[in-house]
């Protein structure tokens, strides 16, 4: 969130790296659960989806659409990306209709 509020649009690549790391971490956590991992820290899969999707818009609203379209192909992010995209596109549509 700090990157989104204090960063510049040029920092979008850094945010995308954080998103990709989150996706990988969640996938690894789920795989540990499926393997029956019992050690602390291996079972949790707290996703940062909502925060990262919001951060994409805050950091650079202009390029947010491209990032959201990419995230639609990631099962961990597709729902939040679709909701955020729908909200944005609806606002744009309503603004243009006036």
N, C-alpha and C. Protein backbone atom coordinates (compact mmCIF):
# COMPACT_ATOMS: atom_id res chain seq x y z
N UNK A 1 0.82 -1.19 0.00
CA UNK A 1 0.00 0.00 0.00
C UNK A 1 0.87 1.26 0.00
N UNK A 2 2.00 1.21 0.71
CA UNK A 2 2.87 2.38 0.75
C UNK A 2 3.41 2.69 -0.64
N UNK A 3 3.76 1.66 -1.40
CA UNK A 3 4.25 1.88 -2.76
C UNK A 3 3.18 2.57 -3.60
N UNK A 4 1.95 2.18 -3.43
CA UNK A 4 0.86 2.77 -4.22
C UNK A 4 0.60 4.22 -3.85
N UNK A 5 0.73 4.56 -2.58
CA UNK A 5 0.42 5.93 -2.17
C UNK A 5 1.61 6.86 -2.29
N UNK A 6 2.82 6.33 -2.16
CA UNK A 6 4.01 7.17 -2.22
C UNK A 6 4.78 7.02 -3.52
N UNK A 7 4.50 5.95 -4.25
CA UNK A 7 5.25 5.66 -5.46
C UNK A 7 4.82 6.50 -6.66
N UNK A 8 5.50 6.24 -7.75
CA UNK A 8 5.22 6.90 -9.02
C UNK A 8 4.73 5.83 -10.01
N UNK A 9 4.08 6.25 -11.08
CA UNK A 9 3.62 5.28 -12.06
C UNK A 9 4.73 4.35 -12.57
N UNK A 10 5.95 4.83 -12.59
CA UNK A 10 7.08 4.02 -13.05
C UNK A 10 7.35 2.83 -12.11
N UNK A 11 6.75 2.85 -10.93
CA UNK A 11 6.95 1.77 -9.96
C UNK A 11 6.01 0.59 -10.19
N UNK A 12 5.19 0.65 -11.24
CA UNK A 12 4.23 -0.41 -11.50
C UNK A 12 4.93 -1.76 -11.66
N UNK A 13 6.10 -1.79 -12.28
CA UNK A 13 6.83 -3.07 -12.44
C UNK A 13 7.15 -3.68 -11.08
N UNK A 14 7.49 -2.84 -10.11
CA UNK A 14 7.76 -3.34 -8.76
C UNK A 14 6.50 -3.93 -8.13
N UNK A 15 5.39 -3.25 -8.33
CA UNK A 15 4.12 -3.75 -7.79
C UNK A 15 3.75 -5.08 -8.46
N UNK A 16 3.98 -5.17 -9.75
CA UNK A 16 3.70 -6.43 -10.45
C UNK A 16 4.58 -7.56 -9.93
N UNK A 17 5.82 -7.27 -9.59
CA UNK A 17 6.70 -8.30 -8.99
C UNK A 17 6.15 -8.74 -7.63
N UNK A 18 5.65 -7.80 -6.84
CA UNK A 18 5.04 -8.16 -5.56
C UNK A 18 3.81 -9.04 -5.75
N UNK A 19 3.02 -8.71 -6.75
CA UNK A 19 1.82 -9.51 -7.05
C UNK A 19 2.22 -10.92 -7.45
N UNK A 20 3.21 -11.03 -8.33
CA UNK A 20 3.66 -12.35 -8.77
C UNK A 20 4.23 -13.16 -7.61
N UNK A 21 4.94 -12.50 -6.71
CA UNK A 21 5.47 -13.19 -5.52
C UNK A 21 4.33 -13.66 -4.62
N UNK A 22 3.27 -12.85 -4.51
CA UNK A 22 2.10 -13.23 -3.71
C UNK A 22 1.43 -14.46 -4.32
N UNK A 23 1.29 -14.47 -5.62
CA UNK A 23 0.67 -15.61 -6.29
C UNK A 23 1.48 -16.88 -6.02
N UNK A 24 2.78 -16.78 -6.16
CA UNK A 24 3.64 -17.95 -5.93
C UNK A 24 3.58 -18.41 -4.47
N UNK A 25 3.59 -17.47 -3.54
CA UNK A 25 3.54 -17.81 -2.12
C UNK A 25 2.23 -18.53 -1.78
N UNK A 26 1.13 -18.03 -2.33
CA UNK A 26 -0.17 -18.65 -2.07
C UNK A 26 -0.21 -20.05 -2.66
N UNK A 27 0.33 -20.20 -3.86
CA UNK A 27 0.34 -21.53 -4.49
C UNK A 27 1.19 -22.51 -3.69
N UNK A 28 2.32 -22.05 -3.20
CA UNK A 28 3.16 -22.92 -2.37
C UNK A 28 2.46 -23.29 -1.08
N UNK A 29 1.78 -22.32 -0.47
CA UNK A 29 1.05 -22.59 0.76
C UNK A 29 -0.05 -23.62 0.55
N UNK A 30 -0.75 -23.49 -0.55
CA UNK A 30 -1.81 -24.47 -0.86
C UNK A 30 -1.22 -25.84 -1.11
N UNK A 31 -0.09 -25.89 -1.77
CA UNK A 31 0.54 -27.18 -2.05
C UNK A 31 0.98 -27.84 -0.75
N UNK A 32 1.45 -27.05 0.23
CA UNK A 32 1.81 -27.61 1.54
C UNK A 32 0.59 -28.18 2.24
N UNK A 33 -0.53 -27.49 2.11
CA UNK A 33 -1.77 -27.98 2.73
C UNK A 33 -2.16 -29.31 2.09
N UNK A 34 -2.08 -29.37 0.78
CA UNK A 34 -2.44 -30.61 0.08
C UNK A 34 -1.50 -31.76 0.42
N UNK A 35 -0.25 -31.42 0.71
CA UNK A 35 0.73 -32.44 1.08
C UNK A 35 0.63 -32.82 2.56
N UNK A 36 -0.22 -32.14 3.29
CA UNK A 36 -0.41 -32.45 4.71
C UNK A 36 0.64 -31.81 5.61
N UNK A 37 1.20 -30.70 5.20
CA UNK A 37 2.21 -30.03 6.02
C UNK A 37 1.63 -29.65 7.38
N UNK A 38 2.37 -29.89 8.41
CA UNK A 38 1.90 -29.60 9.76
C UNK A 38 2.71 -28.51 10.46
N UNK A 39 3.85 -28.16 9.92
CA UNK A 39 4.67 -27.14 10.58
C UNK A 39 4.01 -25.77 10.49
N UNK A 40 4.19 -25.00 11.54
CA UNK A 40 3.64 -23.64 11.57
C UNK A 40 4.21 -22.84 10.41
N UNK A 41 3.37 -22.05 9.80
CA UNK A 41 3.81 -21.20 8.70
C UNK A 41 3.69 -21.85 7.34
N UNK A 42 3.53 -23.14 7.29
CA UNK A 42 3.43 -23.80 6.00
C UNK A 42 1.99 -23.95 5.55
N UNK A 43 1.07 -23.83 6.46
CA UNK A 43 -0.33 -24.08 6.11
C UNK A 43 -1.07 -22.82 5.70
N UNK A 44 -0.62 -21.68 6.14
CA UNK A 44 -1.36 -20.44 5.87
C UNK A 44 -1.19 -19.94 4.46
N UNK A 45 -2.24 -19.38 3.92
CA UNK A 45 -2.22 -18.81 2.57
C UNK A 45 -2.93 -17.47 2.57
N UNK A 46 -2.51 -16.57 3.41
CA UNK A 46 -3.18 -15.27 3.45
C UNK A 46 -2.85 -14.51 2.17
N UNK A 47 -3.86 -14.25 1.38
CA UNK A 47 -3.66 -13.57 0.11
C UNK A 47 -3.75 -12.06 0.30
N UNK A 48 -2.98 -11.36 -0.49
CA UNK A 48 -2.98 -9.90 -0.46
C UNK A 48 -3.73 -9.33 -1.66
N UNK A 49 -4.59 -10.16 -2.26
CA UNK A 49 -5.26 -9.82 -3.51
C UNK A 49 -5.93 -8.45 -3.46
N UNK A 50 -6.82 -8.26 -2.53
CA UNK A 50 -7.60 -7.03 -2.47
C UNK A 50 -6.70 -5.81 -2.38
N UNK A 51 -5.67 -5.89 -1.53
CA UNK A 51 -4.77 -4.75 -1.35
C UNK A 51 -3.97 -4.47 -2.60
N UNK A 52 -3.47 -5.52 -3.23
CA UNK A 52 -2.67 -5.32 -4.44
C UNK A 52 -3.50 -4.79 -5.60
N UNK A 53 -4.72 -5.27 -5.75
CA UNK A 53 -5.58 -4.77 -6.83
C UNK A 53 -5.89 -3.29 -6.61
N UNK A 54 -6.19 -2.92 -5.39
CA UNK A 54 -6.42 -1.49 -5.09
C UNK A 54 -5.17 -0.68 -5.36
N UNK A 55 -4.03 -1.23 -4.99
CA UNK A 55 -2.77 -0.52 -5.17
C UNK A 55 -2.48 -0.25 -6.64
N UNK A 56 -2.86 -1.17 -7.50
CA UNK A 56 -2.65 -0.98 -8.94
C UNK A 56 -3.35 0.30 -9.40
N UNK A 57 -4.60 0.50 -8.95
CA UNK A 57 -5.34 1.70 -9.33
C UNK A 57 -4.75 2.96 -8.70
N UNK A 58 -4.35 2.86 -7.46
CA UNK A 58 -3.81 4.04 -6.78
C UNK A 58 -2.49 4.47 -7.38
N UNK A 59 -1.66 3.50 -7.74
CA UNK A 59 -0.34 3.82 -8.25
C UNK A 59 -0.40 4.46 -9.63
N UNK A 60 -1.18 3.88 -10.52
CA UNK A 60 -1.24 4.41 -11.88
C UNK A 60 -2.57 4.04 -12.54
N UNK A 61 -3.58 4.88 -12.36
CA UNK A 61 -4.89 4.58 -12.94
C UNK A 61 -4.86 4.40 -14.46
N UNK A 62 -3.91 5.05 -15.11
CA UNK A 62 -3.82 4.96 -16.57
C UNK A 62 -3.44 3.57 -17.05
N UNK A 63 -2.48 2.94 -16.41
CA UNK A 63 -2.05 1.61 -16.85
C UNK A 63 -2.69 0.48 -16.06
N UNK A 64 -3.59 0.81 -15.16
CA UNK A 64 -4.23 -0.21 -14.33
C UNK A 64 -4.99 -1.24 -15.16
N UNK A 65 -5.62 -0.79 -16.22
CA UNK A 65 -6.43 -1.70 -17.03
C UNK A 65 -5.58 -2.84 -17.59
N UNK A 66 -4.40 -2.53 -18.08
CA UNK A 66 -3.52 -3.56 -18.63
C UNK A 66 -3.10 -4.58 -17.58
N UNK A 67 -2.80 -4.10 -16.40
CA UNK A 67 -2.41 -5.00 -15.31
C UNK A 67 -3.59 -5.88 -14.91
N UNK A 68 -4.78 -5.28 -14.81
CA UNK A 68 -5.97 -6.06 -14.45
C UNK A 68 -6.27 -7.13 -15.48
N UNK A 69 -6.11 -6.80 -16.74
CA UNK A 69 -6.35 -7.78 -17.79
C UNK A 69 -5.40 -8.97 -17.66
N UNK A 70 -4.16 -8.71 -17.29
CA UNK A 70 -3.20 -9.79 -17.07
C UNK A 70 -3.61 -10.64 -15.87
N UNK A 71 -4.09 -9.99 -14.84
CA UNK A 71 -4.46 -10.71 -13.61
C UNK A 71 -5.70 -11.57 -13.79
N UNK A 72 -6.50 -11.30 -14.81
CA UNK A 72 -7.67 -12.13 -15.06
C UNK A 72 -7.29 -13.58 -15.38
N UNK A 73 -6.07 -13.81 -15.80
CA UNK A 73 -5.64 -15.17 -16.12
C UNK A 73 -5.04 -15.90 -14.92
N UNK A 74 -4.99 -15.23 -13.77
CA UNK A 74 -4.47 -15.84 -12.55
C UNK A 74 -5.63 -16.20 -11.64
N UNK A 75 -5.86 -17.49 -11.38
CA UNK A 75 -7.01 -17.89 -10.56
C UNK A 75 -7.08 -17.18 -9.21
N UNK A 76 -5.93 -16.89 -8.63
CA UNK A 76 -5.92 -16.24 -7.31
C UNK A 76 -6.38 -14.78 -7.38
N UNK A 77 -6.31 -14.19 -8.54
CA UNK A 77 -6.61 -12.77 -8.69
C UNK A 77 -7.80 -12.47 -9.60
N UNK A 78 -8.29 -13.47 -10.33
CA UNK A 78 -9.27 -13.19 -11.37
C UNK A 78 -10.55 -12.52 -10.84
N UNK A 79 -11.07 -12.97 -9.71
CA UNK A 79 -12.31 -12.40 -9.20
C UNK A 79 -12.13 -10.94 -8.79
N UNK A 80 -11.09 -10.65 -8.03
CA UNK A 80 -10.86 -9.26 -7.59
C UNK A 80 -10.54 -8.36 -8.77
N UNK A 81 -9.76 -8.86 -9.73
CA UNK A 81 -9.43 -8.07 -10.91
C UNK A 81 -10.69 -7.78 -11.72
N UNK A 82 -11.56 -8.78 -11.86
CA UNK A 82 -12.80 -8.58 -12.61
C UNK A 82 -13.71 -7.57 -11.92
N UNK A 83 -13.84 -7.67 -10.60
CA UNK A 83 -14.68 -6.71 -9.86
C UNK A 83 -14.14 -5.29 -9.99
N UNK A 84 -12.82 -5.15 -9.83
CA UNK A 84 -12.21 -3.83 -9.91
C UNK A 84 -12.35 -3.26 -11.32
N UNK A 85 -12.13 -4.10 -12.31
CA UNK A 85 -12.28 -3.66 -13.69
C UNK A 85 -13.70 -3.25 -14.00
N UNK A 86 -14.66 -4.05 -13.54
CA UNK A 86 -16.06 -3.74 -13.78
C UNK A 86 -16.43 -2.39 -13.17
N UNK A 87 -15.99 -2.17 -11.94
CA UNK A 87 -16.30 -0.90 -11.27
C UNK A 87 -15.69 0.27 -12.03
N UNK A 88 -14.46 0.11 -12.47
CA UNK A 88 -13.81 1.20 -13.17
C UNK A 88 -14.45 1.46 -14.53
N UNK A 89 -14.69 0.39 -15.27
CA UNK A 89 -15.28 0.56 -16.60
C UNK A 89 -16.69 1.11 -16.51
N UNK A 90 -17.41 0.76 -15.47
CA UNK A 90 -18.76 1.30 -15.28
C UNK A 90 -18.67 2.81 -15.00
N UNK A 91 -17.73 3.21 -14.14
CA UNK A 91 -17.55 4.64 -13.86
C UNK A 91 -17.18 5.39 -15.14
N UNK A 92 -16.27 4.81 -15.94
CA UNK A 92 -15.88 5.46 -17.20
C UNK A 92 -17.07 5.58 -18.14
N UNK A 93 -17.87 4.52 -18.23
CA UNK A 93 -19.04 4.53 -19.09
C UNK A 93 -20.03 5.61 -18.66
N UNK A 94 -20.28 5.69 -17.36
CA UNK A 94 -21.23 6.68 -16.84
C UNK A 94 -20.70 8.09 -17.07
N UNK A 95 -19.39 8.28 -16.92
CA UNK A 95 -18.81 9.61 -17.16
C UNK A 95 -18.95 10.02 -18.62
N UNK A 96 -18.74 9.07 -19.52
CA UNK A 96 -18.84 9.38 -20.95
C UNK A 96 -20.27 9.55 -21.42
N UNK A 97 -21.23 8.96 -20.69
CA UNK A 97 -22.64 9.06 -21.07
C UNK A 97 -23.23 10.42 -20.75
N UNK A 98 -22.58 11.18 -19.90
CA UNK A 98 -23.12 12.48 -19.49
C UNK A 98 -22.84 13.55 -20.47
